[in-house]
Amino acid sequence: MYTQGIATFVGNLFAIPRTPESVTYVLDDCAKHLVSRWGLRIGGDAREYLMCKGYPRHVHVHPRWMRKTFMKVLGHYLDNDAGTATCVRNYFCAI
């Protein structure tokens, strides 16, 4: 009997719970399971969150999480006002 191995890249984990605190809790929990099950670690630069522009209350998350005004999502940029201006700007700047 032989065992076959497989490797994969986990690059995009997204969560959309009700609060920013819940988002970071869910994603930290995923990260914990990735480490314990497969030894995969999420890089520190991947711990970002995006809040809707004008979100009315203060956010209490672990300092390792960085609040952004735009976020790279599946190869494109999404702005905190649901716009794509950053994506368009980056596309034309890259040409």
PDB file of N, CA and C in Angstrom:
ATOM      1  N   MET A   1       0.847  -1.182   0.000  1.00  0.00           N
ATOM      2  CA  MET A   1       0.000   0.000   0.000  1.00  0.00           C
ATOM      3  C   MET A   1       0.885   1.235   0.000  1.00  0.00           C
ATOM      4  N   TYR A   2       0.552   2.212  -0.837  1.00  0.00           N
ATOM      5  CA  TYR A   2       1.331   3.438  -0.818  1.00  0.00           C
ATOM      6  C   TYR A   2       0.422   4.624  -0.522  1.00  0.00           C
ATOM      7  N   THR A   3       0.999   5.659   0.064  1.00  0.00           N
ATOM      8  CA  THR A   3       0.253   6.855   0.432  1.00  0.00           C
ATOM      9  C   THR A   3       0.630   7.985  -0.509  1.00  0.00           C
ATOM     10  N   GLN A   4      -0.354   8.695  -0.981  1.00  0.00           N
ATOM     11  CA  GLN A   4      -0.119   9.798  -1.895  1.00  0.00           C
ATOM     12  C   GLN A   4      -0.286  11.105  -1.122  1.00  0.00           C
ATOM     13  N   GLY A   5       0.627  12.066  -1.349  1.00  0.00           N
ATOM     14  CA  GLY A   5       0.554  13.352  -0.663  1.00  0.00           C
ATOM     15  C   GLY A   5       0.063  14.441  -1.594  1.00  0.00           C
ATOM     16  N   ILE A   6      -0.459  15.475  -1.028  1.00  0.00           N
ATOM     17  CA  ILE A   6      -0.922  16.614  -1.809  1.00  0.00           C
ATOM     18  C   ILE A   6      -0.567  17.889  -1.063  1.00  0.00           C
ATOM     19  N   ALA A   7      -0.247  18.909  -1.787  1.00  0.00           N
ATOM     20  CA  ALA A   7       0.052  20.216  -1.190  1.00  0.00           C
ATOM     21  C   ALA A   7      -0.823  21.259  -1.868  1.00  0.00           C
ATOM     22  N   THR A   8      -1.173  22.282  -1.144  1.00  0.00           N
ATOM     23  CA  THR A   8      -2.001  23.339  -1.716  1.00  0.00           C
ATOM     24  C   THR A   8      -1.624  24.663  -1.089  1.00  0.00           C
ATOM     25  N   PHE A   9      -2.089  25.728  -1.662  1.00  0.00           N
ATOM     26  CA  PHE A   9      -1.833  27.082  -1.177  1.00  0.00           C
ATOM     27  C   PHE A   9      -3.128  27.648  -0.624  1.00  0.00           C
ATOM     28  N   VAL A  10      -3.087  28.124   0.593  1.00  0.00           N
ATOM     29  CA  VAL A  10      -4.248  28.783   1.181  1.00  0.00           C
ATOM     30  C   VAL A  10      -3.947  30.269   1.169  1.00  0.00           C
ATOM     31  N   GLY A  11      -4.537  30.981   0.229  1.00  0.00           N
ATOM     32  CA  GLY A  11      -4.186  32.376   0.080  1.00  0.00           C
ATOM     33  C   GLY A  11      -5.295  33.348   0.401  1.00  0.00           C
ATOM     34  N   ASN A  12      -6.523  32.915   0.367  1.00  0.00           N
ATOM     35  CA  ASN A  12      -7.628  33.844   0.574  1.00  0.00           C
ATOM     36  C   ASN A  12      -8.667  33.226   1.496  1.00  0.00           C
ATOM     37  N   LEU A  13      -8.663  33.675   2.719  1.00  0.00           N
ATOM     38  CA  LEU A  13      -9.715  33.294   3.658  1.00  0.00           C
ATOM     39  C   LEU A  13     -10.535  34.546   3.923  1.00  0.00           C
ATOM     40  N   PHE A  14     -11.825  34.450   3.738  1.00  0.00           N
ATOM     41  CA  PHE A  14     -12.705  35.585   3.954  1.00  0.00           C
ATOM     42  C   PHE A  14     -13.810  35.190   4.912  1.00  0.00           C
ATOM     43  N   ALA A  15     -14.231  36.124   5.728  1.00  0.00           N
ATOM     44  CA  ALA A  15     -15.360  35.904   6.632  1.00  0.00           C
ATOM     45  C   ALA A  15     -16.168  37.188   6.668  1.00  0.00           C
ATOM     46  N   ILE A  16     -17.479  37.055   6.760  1.00  0.00           N
ATOM     47  CA  ILE A  16     -18.337  38.235   6.795  1.00  0.00           C
ATOM     48  C   ILE A  16     -19.373  38.093   7.920  1.00  0.00           C
ATOM     49  N   PRO A  17     -18.925  37.947   9.185  1.00  0.00           N
ATOM     50  CA  PRO A  17     -19.864  37.951  10.300  1.00  0.00           C
ATOM     51  C   PRO A  17     -20.388  39.365  10.594  1.00  0.00           C
ATOM     52  N   ARG A  18     -21.143  39.512  11.662  1.00  0.00           N
ATOM     53  CA  ARG A  18     -21.816  40.779  11.979  1.00  0.00           C
ATOM     54  C   ARG A  18     -20.895  41.878  12.492  1.00  0.00           C
ATOM     55  N   THR A  19     -19.822  41.524  13.168  1.00  0.00           N
ATOM     56  CA  THR A  19     -18.951  42.544  13.763  1.00  0.00           C
ATOM     57  C   THR A  19     -17.501  42.287  13.355  1.00  0.00           C
ATOM     58  N   PRO A  20     -16.666  43.331  13.389  1.00  0.00           N
ATOM     59  CA  PRO A  20     -15.246  43.145  13.093  1.00  0.00           C
ATOM     60  C   PRO A  20     -14.589  42.178  14.082  1.00  0.00           C
ATOM     61  N   GLU A  21     -15.009  42.242  15.311  1.00  0.00           N
ATOM     62  CA  GLU A  21     -14.456  41.349  16.327  1.00  0.00           C
ATOM     63  C   GLU A  21     -14.744  39.887  15.969  1.00  0.00           C
ATOM     64  N   SER A  22     -15.957  39.617  15.490  1.00  0.00           N
ATOM     65  CA  SER A  22     -16.326  38.259  15.084  1.00  0.00           C
ATOM     66  C   SER A  22     -15.521  37.808  13.876  1.00  0.00           C
ATOM     67  N   VAL A  23     -15.279  38.714  12.939  1.00  0.00           N
ATOM     68  CA  VAL A  23     -14.484  38.382  11.753  1.00  0.00           C
ATOM     69  C   VAL A  23     -13.098  37.916  12.163  1.00  0.00           C
ATOM     70  N   THR A  24     -12.442  38.706  12.999  1.00  0.00           N
ATOM     71  CA  THR A  24     -11.078  38.351  13.379  1.00  0.00           C
ATOM     72  C   THR A  24     -11.065  37.087  14.239  1.00  0.00           C
ATOM     73  N   TYR A  25     -12.094  36.859  15.036  1.00  0.00           N
ATOM     74  CA  TYR A  25     -12.178  35.629  15.829  1.00  0.00           C
ATOM     75  C   TYR A  25     -12.275  34.407  14.910  1.00  0.00           C
ATOM     76  N   VAL A  26     -13.165  34.478  13.911  1.00  0.00           N
ATOM     77  CA  VAL A  26     -13.363  33.365  12.980  1.00  0.00           C
ATOM     78  C   VAL A  26     -12.070  33.075  12.218  1.00  0.00           C
ATOM     79  N   LEU A  27     -11.418  34.125  11.710  1.00  0.00           N
ATOM     80  CA  LEU A  27     -10.202  33.919  10.929  1.00  0.00           C
ATOM     81  C   LEU A  27      -9.029  33.466  11.798  1.00  0.00           C
ATOM     82  N   ASP A  28      -8.938  33.957  13.035  1.00  0.00           N
ATOM     83  CA  ASP A  28      -7.901  33.458  13.943  1.00  0.00           C
ATOM     84  C   ASP A  28      -8.135  31.983  14.262  1.00  0.00           C
ATOM     85  N   ASP A  29      -9.395  31.595  14.396  1.00  0.00           N
ATOM     86  CA  ASP A  29      -9.722  30.201  14.640  1.00  0.00           C
ATOM     87  C   ASP A  29      -9.320  29.336  13.439  1.00  0.00           C
ATOM     88  N   CYS A  30      -9.596  29.805  12.237  1.00  0.00           N
ATOM     89  CA  CYS A  30      -9.161  29.090  11.027  1.00  0.00           C
ATOM     90  C   CYS A  30      -7.646  28.945  11.019  1.00  0.00           C
ATOM     91  N   ALA A  31      -6.947  30.030  11.340  1.00  0.00           N
ATOM     92  CA  ALA A  31      -5.485  30.002  11.356  1.00  0.00           C
ATOM     93  C   ALA A  31      -4.967  28.972  12.354  1.00  0.00           C
ATOM     94  N   LYS A  32      -5.607  28.911  13.518  1.00  0.00           N
ATOM     95  CA  LYS A  32      -5.197  27.951  14.546  1.00  0.00           C
ATOM     96  C   LYS A  32      -5.344  26.511  14.040  1.00  0.00           C
ATOM     97  N   HIS A  33      -6.440  26.232  13.343  1.00  0.00           N
ATOM     98  CA  HIS A  33      -6.669  24.886  12.820  1.00  0.00           C
ATOM     99  C   HIS A  33      -5.729  24.564  11.658  1.00  0.00           C
ATOM    100  N   LEU A  34      -5.403  25.546  10.838  1.00  0.00           N
ATOM    101  CA  LEU A  34      -4.446  25.316   9.750  1.00  0.00           C
ATOM    102  C   LEU A  34      -3.085  24.908  10.311  1.00  0.00           C
ATOM    103  N   VAL A  35      -2.681  25.557  11.403  1.00  0.00           N
ATOM    104  CA  VAL A  35      -1.398  25.221  12.024  1.00  0.00           C
ATOM    105  C   VAL A  35      -1.452  23.841  12.663  1.00  0.00           C
ATOM    106  N   SER A  36      -2.489  23.592  13.454  1.00  0.00           N
ATOM    107  CA  SER A  36      -2.533  22.321  14.191  1.00  0.00           C
ATOM    108  C   SER A  36      -2.747  21.116  13.273  1.00  0.00           C
ATOM    109  N   ARG A  37      -3.492  21.285  12.210  1.00  0.00           N
ATOM    110  CA  ARG A  37      -3.804  20.153  11.324  1.00  0.00           C
ATOM    111  C   ARG A  37      -2.748  19.925  10.248  1.00  0.00           C
ATOM    112  N   TRP A  38      -2.273  21.025   9.617  1.00  0.00           N
ATOM    113  CA  TRP A  38      -1.387  20.871   8.473  1.00  0.00           C
ATOM    114  C   TRP A  38      -0.061  21.619   8.595  1.00  0.00           C
ATOM    115  N   GLY A  39       0.135  22.353   9.682  1.00  0.00           N
ATOM    116  CA  GLY A  39       1.379  23.097   9.840  1.00  0.00           C
ATOM    117  C   GLY A  39       1.486  24.313   8.932  1.00  0.00           C
ATOM    118  N   LEU A  40       0.347  24.804   8.453  1.00  0.00           N
ATOM    119  CA  LEU A  40       0.325  25.984   7.579  1.00  0.00           C
ATOM    120  C   LEU A  40       0.121  27.240   8.411  1.00  0.00           C
ATOM    121  N   ARG A  41       0.883  28.269   8.114  1.00  0.00           N
ATOM    122  CA  ARG A  41       0.785  29.528   8.858  1.00  0.00           C
ATOM    123  C   ARG A  41       0.340  30.663   7.941  1.00  0.00           C
ATOM    124  N   ILE A  42      -0.518  31.518   8.471  1.00  0.00           N
ATOM    125  CA  ILE A  42      -0.958  32.707   7.747  1.00  0.00           C
ATOM    126  C   ILE A  42       0.024  33.817   8.068  1.00  0.00           C
ATOM    127  N   GLY A  43       0.539  34.460   7.045  1.00  0.00           N
ATOM    128  CA  GLY A  43       1.510  35.535   7.245  1.00  0.00           C
ATOM    129  C   GLY A  43       0.899  36.737   7.941  1.00  0.00           C
ATOM    130  N   GLY A  44       1.727  37.465   8.663  1.00  0.00           N
ATOM    131  CA  GLY A  44       1.268  38.647   9.381  1.00  0.00           C
ATOM    132  C   GLY A  44       0.697  39.714   8.475  1.00  0.00           C
ATOM    133  N   ASP A  45       1.210  39.795   7.243  1.00  0.00           N
ATOM    134  CA  ASP A  45       0.709  40.805   6.314  1.00  0.00           C
ATOM    135  C   ASP A  45      -0.665  40.439   5.756  1.00  0.00           C
ATOM    136  N   ALA A  46      -1.155  39.247   6.065  1.00  0.00           N
ATOM    137  CA  ALA A  46      -2.469  38.826   5.590  1.00  0.00           C
ATOM    138  C   ALA A  46      -3.567  39.112   6.611  1.00  0.00           C
ATOM    139  N   ARG A  47      -3.214  39.635   7.742  1.00  0.00           N
ATOM    140  CA  ARG A  47      -4.215  39.905   8.786  1.00  0.00           C
ATOM    141  C   ARG A  47      -4.724  41.341   8.645  1.00  0.00           C
ATOM    142  N   GLU A  48      -5.634  41.489   7.709  1.00  0.00           N
ATOM    143  CA  GLU A  48      -6.221  42.798   7.420  1.00  0.00           C
ATOM    144  C   GLU A  48      -7.739  42.673   7.485  1.00  0.00           C
ATOM    145  N   TYR A  49      -8.378  43.798   7.789  1.00  0.00           N
ATOM    146  CA  TYR A  49      -9.833  43.812   7.720  1.00  0.00           C
ATOM    147  C   TYR A  49     -10.291  45.131   7.128  1.00  0.00           C
ATOM    148  N   LEU A  50     -11.443  45.073   6.500  1.00  0.00           N
ATOM    149  CA  LEU A  50     -12.015  46.218   5.798  1.00  0.00           C
ATOM    150  C   LEU A  50     -13.367  46.525   6.411  1.00  0.00           C
ATOM    151  N   MET A  51     -13.535  47.745   6.855  1.00  0.00           N
ATOM    152  CA  MET A  51     -14.812  48.182   7.419  1.00  0.00           C
ATOM    153  C   MET A  51     -15.509  49.085   6.418  1.00  0.00           C
ATOM    154  N   CYS A  52     -16.819  49.033   6.400  1.00  0.00           N
ATOM    155  CA  CYS A  52     -17.561  49.947   5.550  1.00  0.00           C
ATOM    156  C   CYS A  52     -17.231  51.381   5.953  1.00  0.00           C
ATOM    157  N   LYS A  53     -17.054  52.240   4.959  1.00  0.00           N
ATOM    158  CA  LYS A  53     -16.749  53.644   5.223  1.00  0.00           C
ATOM    159  C   LYS A  53     -17.857  54.242   6.099  1.00  0.00           C
ATOM    160  N   GLY A  54     -17.471  54.943   7.144  1.00  0.00           N
ATOM    161  CA  GLY A  54     -18.441  55.551   8.039  1.00  0.00           C
ATOM    162  C   GLY A  54     -18.980  54.617   9.108  1.00  0.00           C
ATOM    163  N   TYR A  55     -18.335  53.457   9.304  1.00  0.00           N
ATOM    164  CA  TYR A  55     -18.786  52.534  10.354  1.00  0.00           C
ATOM    165  C   TYR A  55     -18.855  53.297  11.670  1.00  0.00           C
ATOM    166  N   PRO A  56     -19.987  53.243  12.387  1.00  0.00           N
ATOM    167  CA  PRO A  56     -20.236  54.167  13.492  1.00  0.00           C
ATOM    168  C   PRO A  56     -19.560  53.899  14.831  1.00  0.00           C
ATOM    169  N   ARG A  57     -18.980  52.740  15.040  1.00  0.00           N
ATOM    170  CA  ARG A  57     -18.445  52.499  16.379  1.00  0.00           C
ATOM    171  C   ARG A  57     -16.968  52.103  16.339  1.00  0.00           C
ATOM    172  N   HIS A  58     -16.323  52.226  17.504  1.00  0.00           N
ATOM    173  CA  HIS A  58     -14.913  51.859  17.629  1.00  0.00           C
ATOM    174  C   HIS A  58     -14.776  50.339  17.528  1.00  0.00           C
ATOM    175  N   VAL A  59     -13.710  49.887  16.919  1.00  0.00           N
ATOM    176  CA  VAL A  59     -13.474  48.461  16.725  1.00  0.00           C
ATOM    177  C   VAL A  59     -12.412  47.996  17.710  1.00  0.00           C
ATOM    178  N   HIS A  60     -12.678  46.882  18.399  1.00  0.00           N
ATOM    179  CA  HIS A  60     -11.741  46.318  19.377  1.00  0.00           C
ATOM    180  C   HIS A  60     -11.254  44.957  18.882  1.00  0.00           C
ATOM    181  N   VAL A  61     -10.150  44.965  18.148  1.00  0.00           N
ATOM    182  CA  VAL A  61      -9.562  43.710  17.675  1.00  0.00           C
ATOM    183  C   VAL A  61      -8.101  43.671  18.107  1.00  0.00           C
ATOM    184  N   HIS A  62      -7.514  42.489  18.025  1.00  0.00           N
ATOM    185  CA  HIS A  62      -6.108  42.323  18.390  1.00  0.00           C
ATOM    186  C   HIS A  62      -5.252  43.241  17.515  1.00  0.00           C
ATOM    187  N   PRO A  63      -4.212  43.853  18.091  1.00  0.00           N
ATOM    188  CA  PRO A  63      -3.370  44.783  17.332  1.00  0.00           C
ATOM    189  C   PRO A  63      -2.692  44.179  16.103  1.00  0.00           C
ATOM    190  N   ARG A  64      -2.593  42.856  16.023  1.00  0.00           N
ATOM    191  CA  ARG A  64      -1.965  42.253  14.836  1.00  0.00           C
ATOM    192  C   ARG A  64      -2.849  42.414  13.597  1.00  0.00           C
ATOM    193  N   TRP A  65      -4.121  42.755  13.793  1.00  0.00           N
ATOM    194  CA  TRP A  65      -5.035  42.983  12.678  1.00  0.00           C
ATOM    195  C   TRP A  65      -4.968  44.439  12.247  1.00  0.00           C
ATOM    196  N   MET A  66      -4.798  44.670  10.954  1.00  0.00           N
ATOM    197  CA  MET A  66      -4.676  46.031  10.419  1.00  0.00           C
ATOM    198  C   MET A  66      -5.961  46.425   9.689  1.00  0.00           C
ATOM    199  N   ARG A  67      -6.504  47.581  10.089  1.00  0.00           N
ATOM    200  CA  ARG A  67      -7.682  48.100   9.397  1.00  0.00           C
ATOM    201  C   ARG A  67      -7.227  48.808   8.126  1.00  0.00           C
ATOM    202  N   LYS A  68      -7.868  48.501   7.012  1.00  0.00           N
ATOM    203  CA  LYS A  68      -7.504  49.066   5.717  1.00  0.00           C
ATOM    204  C   LYS A  68      -8.678  49.851   5.132  1.00  0.00           C
ATOM    205  N   THR A  69      -8.370  50.781   4.236  1.00  0.00           N
ATOM    206  CA  THR A  69      -9.421  51.501   3.518  1.00  0.00           C
ATOM    207  C   THR A  69      -9.721  50.835   2.177  1.00  0.00           C
ATOM    208  N   PHE A  70      -8.840  49.920   1.768  1.00  0.00           N
ATOM    209  CA  PHE A  70      -9.087  49.085   0.597  1.00  0.00           C
ATOM    210  C   PHE A  70      -8.401  47.753   0.836  1.00  0.00           C
ATOM    211  N   MET A  71      -8.847  46.734   0.120  1.00  0.00           N
ATOM    212  CA  MET A  71      -8.289  45.402   0.326  1.00  0.00           C
ATOM    213  C   MET A  71      -8.170  44.679  -1.006  1.00  0.00           C
ATOM    214  N   LYS A  72      -7.059  43.978  -1.179  1.00  0.00           N
ATOM    215  CA  LYS A  72      -6.885  43.164  -2.374  1.00  0.00           C
ATOM    216  C   LYS A  72      -7.679  41.874  -2.182  1.00  0.00           C
ATOM    217  N   VAL A  73      -8.583  41.612  -3.113  1.00  0.00           N
ATOM    218  CA  VAL A  73      -9.462  40.456  -3.038  1.00  0.00           C
ATOM    219  C   VAL A  73      -9.448  39.743  -4.388  1.00  0.00           C
ATOM    220  N   LEU A  74      -8.888  38.543  -4.400  1.00  0.00           N
ATOM    221  CA  LEU A  74      -8.859  37.723  -5.609  1.00  0.00           C
ATOM    222  C   LEU A  74      -8.317  38.482  -6.817  1.00  0.00           C
ATOM    223  N   GLY A  75      -7.220  39.197  -6.606  1.00  0.00           N
ATOM    224  CA  GLY A  75      -6.547  39.878  -7.700  1.00  0.00           C
ATOM    225  C   GLY A  75      -7.055  41.268  -8.016  1.00  0.00           C
ATOM    226  N   HIS A  76      -8.051  41.751  -7.297  1.00  0.00           N
ATOM    227  CA  HIS A  76      -8.593  43.090  -7.514  1.00  0.00           C
ATOM    228  C   HIS A  76      -8.631  43.830  -6.189  1.00  0.00           C
ATOM    229  N   TYR A  77      -8.884  45.120  -6.238  1.00  0.00           N
ATOM    230  CA  TYR A  77      -8.988  45.925  -5.022  1.00  0.00           C
ATOM    231  C   TYR A  77     -10.433  46.348  -4.813  1.00  0.00           C
ATOM    232  N   LEU A  78     -10.893  46.225  -3.576  1.00  0.00           N
ATOM    233  CA  LEU A  78     -12.230  46.677  -3.194  1.00  0.00           C
ATOM    234  C   LEU A  78     -12.058  47.771  -2.151  1.00  0.00           C
ATOM    235  N   ASP A  79     -12.684  48.917  -2.390  1.00  0.00           N
ATOM    236  CA  ASP A  79     -12.594  50.050  -1.458  1.00  0.00           C
ATOM    237  C   ASP A  79     -13.640  49.931  -0.359  1.00  0.00           C
ATOM    238  N   ASN A  80     -13.413  50.658   0.747  1.00  0.00           N
ATOM    239  CA  ASN A  80     -14.332  50.574   1.882  1.00  0.00           C
ATOM    240  C   ASN A  80     -15.690  51.217   1.605  1.00  0.00           C
ATOM    241  N   ASP A  81     -15.828  51.919   0.479  1.00  0.00           N
ATOM    242  CA  ASP A  81     -17.137  52.461   0.080  1.00  0.00           C
ATOM    243  C   ASP A  81     -17.774  51.589  -1.007  1.00  0.00           C
ATOM    244  N   ALA A  82     -17.258  50.354  -1.160  1.00  0.00           N
ATOM    245  CA  ALA A  82     -17.704  49.367  -2.152  1.00  0.00           C
ATOM    246  C   ALA A  82     -17.339  49.786  -3.571  1.00  0.00           C
ATOM    247  N   GLY A  83     -16.494  50.793  -3.704  1.00  0.00           N
ATOM    248  CA  GLY A  83     -16.059  51.246  -5.016  1.00  0.00           C
ATOM    249  C   GLY A  83     -14.856  50.474  -5.521  1.00  0.00           C
ATOM    250  N   THR A  84     -14.463  50.805  -6.731  1.00  0.00           N
ATOM    251  CA  THR A  84     -13.325  50.148  -7.365  1.00  0.00           C
ATOM    252  C   THR A  84     -12.261  51.146  -7.823  1.00  0.00           C
ATOM    253  N   ALA A  85     -12.277  52.361  -7.289  1.00  0.00           N
ATOM    254  CA  ALA A  85     -11.325  53.389  -7.711  1.00  0.00           C
ATOM    255  C   ALA A  85      -9.880  52.934  -7.501  1.00  0.00           C
ATOM    256  N   THR A  86      -9.585  52.294  -6.386  1.00  0.00           N
ATOM    257  CA  THR A  86      -8.221  51.807  -6.124  1.00  0.00           C
ATOM    258  C   THR A  86      -7.841  50.761  -7.157  1.00  0.00           C
ATOM    259  N   CYS A  87      -8.757  49.890  -7.505  1.00  0.00           N
ATOM    260  CA  CYS A  87      -8.485  48.848  -8.491  1.00  0.00           C
ATOM    261  C   CYS A  87      -8.182  49.482  -9.852  1.00  0.00           C
ATOM    262  N   VAL A  88      -8.999  50.420 -10.258  1.00  0.00           N
ATOM    263  CA  VAL A  88      -8.788  51.096 -11.538  1.00  0.00           C
ATOM    264  C   VAL A  88      -7.465  51.844 -11.518  1.00  0.00           C
ATOM    265  N   ARG A  89      -7.185  52.561 -10.444  1.00  0.00           N
ATOM    266  CA  ARG A  89      -5.939  53.313 -10.318  1.00  0.00           C
ATOM    267  C   ARG A  89      -4.723  52.373 -10.389  1.00  0.00           C
ATOM    268  N   ASN A  90      -4.780  51.239  -9.714  1.00  0.00           N
ATOM    269  CA  ASN A  90      -3.672  50.288  -9.746  1.00  0.00           C
ATOM    270  C   ASN A  90      -3.521  49.624 -11.106  1.00  0.00           C
ATOM    271  N   TYR A  91      -4.642  49.397 -11.773  1.00  0.00           N
ATOM    272  CA  TYR A  91      -4.578  48.794 -13.109  1.00  0.00           C
ATOM    273  C   TYR A  91      -3.864  49.729 -14.080  1.00  0.00           C
ATOM    274  N   PHE A  92      -4.275  50.995 -14.075  1.00  0.00           N
ATOM    275  CA  PHE A  92      -3.695  51.948 -15.021  1.00  0.00           C
ATOM    276  C   PHE A  92      -2.270  52.329 -14.629  1.00  0.00           C
ATOM    277  N   CYS A  93      -1.957  52.287 -13.341  1.00  0.00           N
ATOM    278  CA  CYS A  93      -0.575  52.569 -12.899  1.00  0.00           C
ATOM    279  C   CYS A  93       0.350  51.427 -13.283  1.00  0.00           C
ATOM    280  N   ALA A  94      -0.183  50.211 -13.399  1.00  0.00           N
ATOM    281  CA  ALA A  94       0.645  49.057 -13.717  1.00  0.00           C
ATOM    282  C   ALA A  94       0.972  48.957 -15.206  1.00  0.00           C
ATOM    283  N   ILE A  95       0.227  49.679 -16.036  1.00  0.00           N
ATOM    284  CA  ILE A  95       0.436  49.608 -17.492  1.00  0.00           C
ATOM    285  C   ILE A  95       1.639  50.438 -17.902  1.00  0.00           C
TER     286      ILE A  95
END
